[in-house]
């Protein structure tokens, strides 16, 4: 489906456009997630998502916080 989706004004293929075209030919299913959404259309979106996930994840947060402290990016 992405192969047949035309590029937008910014030269990128939009997944939402491809999903719209797919919906015209077959049923699709979706799940509404709750929480914060991060856009990956800008260069800052990905690192923001990684930082927030690393700080909020119960298994990773302590180690991640210590790593950021080692980089002097997070204060005690």
PDB file of N, CA and C in Angstrom:
ATOM      1  N   UNK A   1       0.821  -1.187   0.000  1.00  0.00           N
ATOM      2  CA  UNK A   1       0.000   0.000   0.000  1.00  0.00           C
ATOM      3  C   UNK A   1       0.871   1.259   0.000  1.00  0.00           C
ATOM      4  N   UNK A   2       1.958   1.256   0.760  1.00  0.00           N
ATOM      5  CA  UNK A   2       2.839   2.429   0.786  1.00  0.00           C
ATOM      6  C   UNK A   2       3.449   2.696  -0.588  1.00  0.00           C
ATOM      7  N   UNK A   3       3.692   1.627  -1.316  1.00  0.00           N
ATOM      8  CA  UNK A   3       4.269   1.754  -2.658  1.00  0.00           C
ATOM      9  C   UNK A   3       3.371   2.589  -3.577  1.00  0.00           C
ATOM     10  N   UNK A   4       2.063   2.539  -3.325  1.00  0.00           N
ATOM     11  CA  UNK A   4       1.091   3.223  -4.184  1.00  0.00           C
ATOM     12  C   UNK A   4       0.616   4.553  -3.604  1.00  0.00           C
ATOM     13  N   UNK A   5       1.168   4.950  -2.464  1.00  0.00           N
ATOM     14  CA  UNK A   5       0.775   6.204  -1.823  1.00  0.00           C
ATOM     15  C   UNK A   5       1.694   7.325  -2.307  1.00  0.00           C
ATOM     16  N   UNK A   6       1.089   8.399  -2.763  1.00  0.00           N
ATOM     17  CA  UNK A   6       1.889   9.511  -3.278  1.00  0.00           C
ATOM     18  C   UNK A   6       2.483  10.316  -2.124  1.00  0.00           C
ATOM     19  N   UNK A   7       3.574  10.980  -2.426  1.00  0.00           N
ATOM     20  CA  UNK A   7       4.255  11.804  -1.430  1.00  0.00           C
ATOM     21  C   UNK A   7       3.458  13.074  -1.171  1.00  0.00           C
ATOM     22  N   UNK A   8       3.561  13.556   0.054  1.00  0.00           N
ATOM     23  CA  UNK A   8       2.905  14.806   0.416  1.00  0.00           C
ATOM     24  C   UNK A   8       3.732  15.997  -0.001  1.00  0.00           C
ATOM     25  N   UNK A   9       3.315  17.174   0.431  1.00  0.00           N
ATOM     26  CA  UNK A   9       3.988  18.428   0.070  1.00  0.00           C
ATOM     27  C   UNK A   9       5.431  18.459   0.575  1.00  0.00           C
ATOM     28  N   UNK A  10       5.685  17.776   1.672  1.00  0.00           N
ATOM     29  CA  UNK A  10       7.031  17.771   2.237  1.00  0.00           C
ATOM     30  C   UNK A  10       7.906  16.667   1.652  1.00  0.00           C
ATOM     31  N   UNK A  11       7.361  15.905   0.691  1.00  0.00           N
ATOM     32  CA  UNK A  11       8.126  14.845   0.045  1.00  0.00           C
ATOM     33  C   UNK A  11       8.094  13.514   0.781  1.00  0.00           C
ATOM     34  N   UNK A  12       7.370  13.454   1.901  1.00  0.00           N
ATOM     35  CA  UNK A  12       7.279  12.229   2.683  1.00  0.00           C
ATOM     36  C   UNK A  12       5.956  11.523   2.430  1.00  0.00           C
ATOM     37  N   UNK A  13       5.989  10.214   2.535  1.00  0.00           N
ATOM     38  CA  UNK A  13       4.763   9.429   2.474  1.00  0.00           C
ATOM     39  C   UNK A  13       4.144   9.429   3.863  1.00  0.00           C
ATOM     40  N   UNK A  14       2.881   9.776   3.937  1.00  0.00           N
ATOM     41  CA  UNK A  14       2.191   9.809   5.223  1.00  0.00           C
ATOM     42  C   UNK A  14       1.474   8.481   5.456  1.00  0.00           C
ATOM     43  N   UNK A  15       1.749   7.858   6.579  1.00  0.00           N
ATOM     44  CA  UNK A  15       1.121   6.591   6.908  1.00  0.00           C
ATOM     45  C   UNK A  15      -0.399   6.731   6.963  1.00  0.00           C
ATOM     46  N   UNK A  16      -0.875   7.862   7.440  1.00  0.00           N
ATOM     47  CA  UNK A  16      -2.322   8.068   7.517  1.00  0.00           C
ATOM     48  C   UNK A  16      -2.955   8.069   6.135  1.00  0.00           C
ATOM     49  N   UNK A  17      -2.265   8.598   5.127  1.00  0.00           N
ATOM     50  CA  UNK A  17      -2.777   8.550   3.754  1.00  0.00           C
ATOM     51  C   UNK A  17      -2.862   7.115   3.252  1.00  0.00           C
ATOM     52  N   UNK A  18      -1.843   6.323   3.546  1.00  0.00           N
ATOM     53  CA  UNK A  18      -1.842   4.924   3.128  1.00  0.00           C
ATOM     54  C   UNK A  18      -2.965   4.159   3.819  1.00  0.00           C
ATOM     55  N   UNK A  19      -3.178   4.423   5.093  1.00  0.00           N
ATOM     56  CA  UNK A  19      -4.266   3.762   5.814  1.00  0.00           C
ATOM     57  C   UNK A  19      -5.624   4.152   5.234  1.00  0.00           C
ATOM     58  N   UNK A  20      -5.769   5.404   4.856  1.00  0.00           N
ATOM     59  CA  UNK A  20      -7.024   5.857   4.232  1.00  0.00           C
ATOM     60  C   UNK A  20      -7.290   5.080   2.939  1.00  0.00           C
ATOM     61  N   UNK A  21      -6.276   4.926   2.105  1.00  0.00           N
ATOM     62  CA  UNK A  21      -6.438   4.187   0.854  1.00  0.00           C
ATOM     63  C   UNK A  21      -6.741   2.717   1.111  1.00  0.00           C
ATOM     64  N   UNK A  22      -6.096   2.153   2.112  1.00  0.00           N
ATOM     65  CA  UNK A  22      -6.360   0.758   2.466  1.00  0.00           C
ATOM     66  C   UNK A  22      -7.793   0.591   2.944  1.00  0.00           C
ATOM     67  N   UNK A  23      -8.290   1.543   3.714  1.00  0.00           N
ATOM     68  CA  UNK A  23      -9.656   1.497   4.221  1.00  0.00           C
ATOM     69  C   UNK A  23     -10.681   1.500   3.088  1.00  0.00           C
ATOM     70  N   UNK A  24     -10.325   2.103   1.974  1.00  0.00           N
ATOM     71  CA  UNK A  24     -11.242   2.127   0.825  1.00  0.00           C
ATOM     72  C   UNK A  24     -11.407   0.759   0.174  1.00  0.00           C
ATOM     73  N   UNK A  25     -10.434  -0.136   0.387  1.00  0.00           N
ATOM     74  CA  UNK A  25     -10.519  -1.442  -0.272  1.00  0.00           C
ATOM     75  C   UNK A  25     -10.737  -2.608   0.699  1.00  0.00           C
ATOM     76  N   UNK A  26     -10.484  -2.392   1.976  1.00  0.00           N
ATOM     77  CA  UNK A  26     -10.739  -3.466   2.940  1.00  0.00           C
ATOM     78  C   UNK A  26     -10.913  -2.892   4.341  1.00  0.00           C
ATOM     79  N   UNK A  27     -11.464  -3.721   5.212  1.00  0.00           N
ATOM     80  CA  UNK A  27     -11.674  -3.325   6.603  1.00  0.00           C
ATOM     81  C   UNK A  27     -10.326  -3.311   7.326  1.00  0.00           C
ATOM     82  N   UNK A  28     -10.112  -2.279   8.127  1.00  0.00           N
ATOM     83  CA  UNK A  28      -8.908  -2.242   8.961  1.00  0.00           C
ATOM     84  C   UNK A  28      -9.344  -2.113  10.416  1.00  0.00           C
ATOM     85  N   UNK A  29      -8.501  -2.556  11.308  1.00  0.00           N
ATOM     86  CA  UNK A  29      -8.788  -2.466  12.730  1.00  0.00           C
ATOM     87  C   UNK A  29      -7.788  -1.520  13.380  1.00  0.00           C
ATOM     88  N   UNK A  30      -8.221  -0.881  14.435  1.00  0.00           N
ATOM     89  CA  UNK A  30      -7.357   0.065  15.137  1.00  0.00           C
ATOM     90  C   UNK A  30      -7.586  -0.061  16.631  1.00  0.00           C
ATOM     91  N   UNK A  31      -6.634   0.407  17.380  1.00  0.00           N
ATOM     92  CA  UNK A  31      -6.748   0.433  18.830  1.00  0.00           C
ATOM     93  C   UNK A  31      -6.350   1.826  19.290  1.00  0.00           C
ATOM     94  N   UNK A  32      -7.211   2.448  20.058  1.00  0.00           N
ATOM     95  CA  UNK A  32      -6.936   3.795  20.560  1.00  0.00           C
ATOM     96  C   UNK A  32      -6.068   3.694  21.815  1.00  0.00           C
ATOM     97  N   UNK A  33      -4.855   4.175  21.720  1.00  0.00           N
ATOM     98  CA  UNK A  33      -3.938   4.169  22.852  1.00  0.00           C
ATOM     99  C   UNK A  33      -4.126   5.424  23.673  1.00  0.00           C
ATOM    100  N   UNK A  34      -3.998   5.272  24.966  1.00  0.00           N
ATOM    101  CA  UNK A  34      -4.046   6.439  25.834  1.00  0.00           C
ATOM    102  C   UNK A  34      -2.632   6.791  26.251  1.00  0.00           C
ATOM    103  N   UNK A  35      -2.373   8.054  26.370  1.00  0.00           N
ATOM    104  CA  UNK A  35      -1.049   8.498  26.777  1.00  0.00           C
ATOM    105  C   UNK A  35      -0.544   9.589  25.861  1.00  0.00           C
ATOM    106  N   UNK A  36       0.694   9.892  26.016  1.00  0.00           N
ATOM    107  CA  UNK A  36       1.311  10.960  25.244  1.00  0.00           C
ATOM    108  C   UNK A  36       1.801  10.435  23.907  1.00  0.00           C
ATOM    109  N   UNK A  37       1.633  11.240  22.899  1.00  0.00           N
ATOM    110  CA  UNK A  37       2.083  10.884  21.559  1.00  0.00           C
ATOM    111  C   UNK A  37       3.271  11.768  21.174  1.00  0.00           C
ATOM    112  N   UNK A  38       4.251  11.162  20.529  1.00  0.00           N
ATOM    113  CA  UNK A  38       5.422  11.907  20.074  1.00  0.00           C
ATOM    114  C   UNK A  38       5.487  11.841  18.559  1.00  0.00           C
ATOM    115  N   UNK A  39       5.673  12.986  17.937  1.00  0.00           N
ATOM    116  CA  UNK A  39       5.817  13.029  16.493  1.00  0.00           C
ATOM    117  C   UNK A  39       7.253  12.758  16.091  1.00  0.00           C
ATOM    118  N   UNK A  40       7.417  11.965  15.070  1.00  0.00           N
ATOM    119  CA  UNK A  40       8.759  11.674  14.577  1.00  0.00           C
ATOM    120  C   UNK A  40       9.046  12.430  13.284  1.00  0.00           C
ATOM    121  N   UNK A  41       8.215  13.415  12.975  1.00  0.00           N
ATOM    122  CA  UNK A  41       8.428  14.218  11.782  1.00  0.00           C
ATOM    123  C   UNK A  41       9.531  15.256  11.952  1.00  0.00           C
ATOM    124  N   UNK A  42       9.921  15.488  13.185  1.00  0.00           N
ATOM    125  CA  UNK A  42      11.023  16.415  13.433  1.00  0.00           C
ATOM    126  C   UNK A  42      12.162  15.648  14.085  1.00  0.00           C
ATOM    127  N   UNK A  43      13.338  16.206  14.003  1.00  0.00           N
ATOM    128  CA  UNK A  43      14.508  15.522  14.556  1.00  0.00           C
ATOM    129  C   UNK A  43      14.459  15.421  16.079  1.00  0.00           C
ATOM    130  N   UNK A  44      13.715  16.272  16.748  1.00  0.00           N
ATOM    131  CA  UNK A  44      13.672  16.264  18.208  1.00  0.00           C
ATOM    132  C   UNK A  44      12.647  15.267  18.746  1.00  0.00           C
ATOM    133  N   UNK A  45      11.704  14.842  17.942  1.00  0.00           N
ATOM    134  CA  UNK A  45      10.643  13.947  18.404  1.00  0.00           C
ATOM    135  C   UNK A  45      11.151  12.614  18.927  1.00  0.00           C
ATOM    136  N   UNK A  46      12.071  11.994  18.218  1.00  0.00           N
ATOM    137  CA  UNK A  46      12.587  10.686  18.631  1.00  0.00           C
ATOM    138  C   UNK A  46      13.348  10.750  19.950  1.00  0.00           C
ATOM    139  N   UNK A  47      14.317  11.661  20.104  1.00  0.00           N
ATOM    140  CA  UNK A  47      15.015  11.709  21.397  1.00  0.00           C
ATOM    141  C   UNK A  47      14.086  12.054  22.562  1.00  0.00           C
ATOM    142  N   UNK A  48      13.073  12.888  22.331  1.00  0.00           N
ATOM    143  CA  UNK A  48      12.116  13.189  23.393  1.00  0.00           C
ATOM    144  C   UNK A  48      11.395  11.920  23.833  1.00  0.00           C
ATOM    145  N   UNK A  49      10.972  11.122  22.872  1.00  0.00           N
ATOM    146  CA  UNK A  49      10.265   9.882  23.190  1.00  0.00           C
ATOM    147  C   UNK A  49      11.168   8.926  23.960  1.00  0.00           C
ATOM    148  N   UNK A  50      12.414   8.783  23.530  1.00  0.00           N
ATOM    149  CA  UNK A  50      13.352   7.883  24.203  1.00  0.00           C
ATOM    150  C   UNK A  50      13.606   8.349  25.634  1.00  0.00           C
ATOM    151  N   UNK A  51      13.813   9.646  25.818  1.00  0.00           N
ATOM    152  CA  UNK A  51      14.058  10.182  27.159  1.00  0.00           C
ATOM    153  C   UNK A  51      12.868   9.958  28.082  1.00  0.00           C
ATOM    154  N   UNK A  52      11.683  10.255  27.598  1.00  0.00           N
ATOM    155  CA  UNK A  52      10.505  10.086  28.445  1.00  0.00           C
ATOM    156  C   UNK A  52      10.268   8.621  28.774  1.00  0.00           C
ATOM    157  N   UNK A  53      10.449   7.749  27.802  1.00  0.00           N
ATOM    158  CA  UNK A  53      10.276   6.319  28.064  1.00  0.00           C
ATOM    159  C   UNK A  53      11.309   5.837  29.077  1.00  0.00           C
ATOM    160  N   UNK A  54      12.542   6.213  28.881  1.00  0.00           N
ATOM    161  CA  UNK A  54      13.607   5.782  29.780  1.00  0.00           C
ATOM    162  C   UNK A  54      13.408   6.255  31.205  1.00  0.00           C
ATOM    163  N   UNK A  55      12.881   7.453  31.367  1.00  0.00           N
ATOM    164  CA  UNK A  55      12.660   7.996  32.702  1.00  0.00           C
ATOM    165  C   UNK A  55      11.417   7.424  33.377  1.00  0.00           C
ATOM    166  N   UNK A  56      10.441   6.992  32.600  1.00  0.00           N
ATOM    167  CA  UNK A  56       9.181   6.516  33.163  1.00  0.00           C
ATOM    168  C   UNK A  56       9.111   4.999  33.322  1.00  0.00           C
ATOM    169  N   UNK A  57       9.906   4.260  32.572  1.00  0.00           N
ATOM    170  CA  UNK A  57       9.844   2.806  32.620  1.00  0.00           C
ATOM    171  C   UNK A  57      10.344   2.286  33.969  1.00  0.00           C
ATOM    172  N   UNK A  58       9.551   1.439  34.617  1.00  0.00           N
ATOM    173  CA  UNK A  58       9.901   0.950  35.961  1.00  0.00           C
ATOM    174  C   UNK A  58      11.196   0.147  35.980  1.00  0.00           C
ATOM    175  N   UNK A  59      11.450  -0.619  34.941  1.00  0.00           N
ATOM    176  CA  UNK A  59      12.654  -1.455  34.895  1.00  0.00           C
ATOM    177  C   UNK A  59      13.901  -0.657  34.526  1.00  0.00           C
ATOM    178  N   UNK A  60      13.734   0.376  33.733  1.00  0.00           N
ATOM    179  CA  UNK A  60      14.879   1.134  33.220  1.00  0.00           C
ATOM    180  C   UNK A  60      15.181   2.435  33.955  1.00  0.00           C
ATOM    181  N   UNK A  61      14.199   2.987  34.642  1.00  0.00           N
ATOM    182  CA  UNK A  61      14.323   4.373  35.107  1.00  0.00           C
ATOM    183  C   UNK A  61      15.530   4.624  36.004  1.00  0.00           C
ATOM    184  N   UNK A  62      15.806   3.741  36.961  1.00  0.00           N
ATOM    185  CA  UNK A  62      16.957   3.984  37.843  1.00  0.00           C
ATOM    186  C   UNK A  62      18.264   3.999  37.071  1.00  0.00           C
ATOM    187  N   UNK A  63      18.478   3.006  36.238  1.00  0.00           N
ATOM    188  CA  UNK A  63      19.712   2.937  35.452  1.00  0.00           C
ATOM    189  C   UNK A  63      19.798   4.106  34.473  1.00  0.00           C
ATOM    190  N   UNK A  64      18.667   4.458  33.877  1.00  0.00           N
ATOM    191  CA  UNK A  64      18.646   5.554  32.911  1.00  0.00           C
ATOM    192  C   UNK A  64      18.934   6.886  33.599  1.00  0.00           C
ATOM    193  N   UNK A  65      18.338   7.096  34.779  1.00  0.00           N
ATOM    194  CA  UNK A  65      18.591   8.325  35.534  1.00  0.00           C
ATOM    195  C   UNK A  65      20.072   8.431  35.913  1.00  0.00           C
ATOM    196  N   UNK A  66      20.656   7.318  36.345  1.00  0.00           N
ATOM    197  CA  UNK A  66      22.082   7.325  36.689  1.00  0.00           C
ATOM    198  C   UNK A  66      22.939   7.644  35.466  1.00  0.00           C
ATOM    199  N   UNK A  67      22.558   7.117  34.326  1.00  0.00           N
ATOM    200  CA  UNK A  67      23.287   7.403  33.086  1.00  0.00           C
ATOM    201  C   UNK A  67      23.225   8.893  32.762  1.00  0.00           C
ATOM    202  N   UNK A  68      22.041   9.483  32.880  1.00  0.00           N
ATOM    203  CA  UNK A  68      21.897  10.913  32.604  1.00  0.00           C
ATOM    204  C   UNK A  68      22.672  11.759  33.616  1.00  0.00           C
ATOM    205  N   UNK A  69      22.704  11.305  34.861  1.00  0.00           N
ATOM    206  CA  UNK A  69      23.498  12.013  35.873  1.00  0.00           C
ATOM    207  C   UNK A  69      24.980  11.946  35.528  1.00  0.00           C
ATOM    208  N   UNK A  70      25.441  10.789  35.064  1.00  0.00           N
ATOM    209  CA  UNK A  70      26.829  10.645  34.653  1.00  0.00           C
ATOM    210  C   UNK A  70      27.179  11.592  33.506  1.00  0.00           C
ATOM    211  N   UNK A  71      26.200  11.875  32.665  1.00  0.00           N
ATOM    212  CA  UNK A  71      26.409  12.806  31.556  1.00  0.00           C
ATOM    213  C   UNK A  71      26.172  14.260  31.978  1.00  0.00           C
ATOM    214  N   UNK A  72      25.860  14.460  33.259  1.00  0.00           N
ATOM    215  CA  UNK A  72      25.556  15.773  33.816  1.00  0.00           C
ATOM    216  C   UNK A  72      24.310  16.393  33.171  1.00  0.00           C
ATOM    217  N   UNK A  73      23.381  15.529  32.774  1.00  0.00           N
ATOM    218  CA  UNK A  73      22.145  16.022  32.172  1.00  0.00           C
ATOM    219  C   UNK A  73      20.978  16.028  33.149  1.00  0.00           C
ATOM    220  N   UNK A  74      21.182  15.401  34.297  1.00  0.00           N
ATOM    221  CA  UNK A  74      20.117  15.334  35.286  1.00  0.00           C
ATOM    222  C   UNK A  74      20.725  15.569  36.657  1.00  0.00           C
ATOM    223  N   UNK A  75      20.075  16.421  37.449  1.00  0.00           N
ATOM    224  CA  UNK A  75      20.578  16.716  38.795  1.00  0.00           C
ATOM    225  C   UNK A  75      19.935  15.763  39.783  1.00  0.00           C
ATOM    226  N   UNK A  76      20.609  15.548  40.908  1.00  0.00           N
ATOM    227  CA  UNK A  76      20.055  14.685  41.976  1.00  0.00           C
ATOM    228  C   UNK A  76      18.778  15.238  42.531  1.00  0.00           C
TER     229      UNK A  76
END
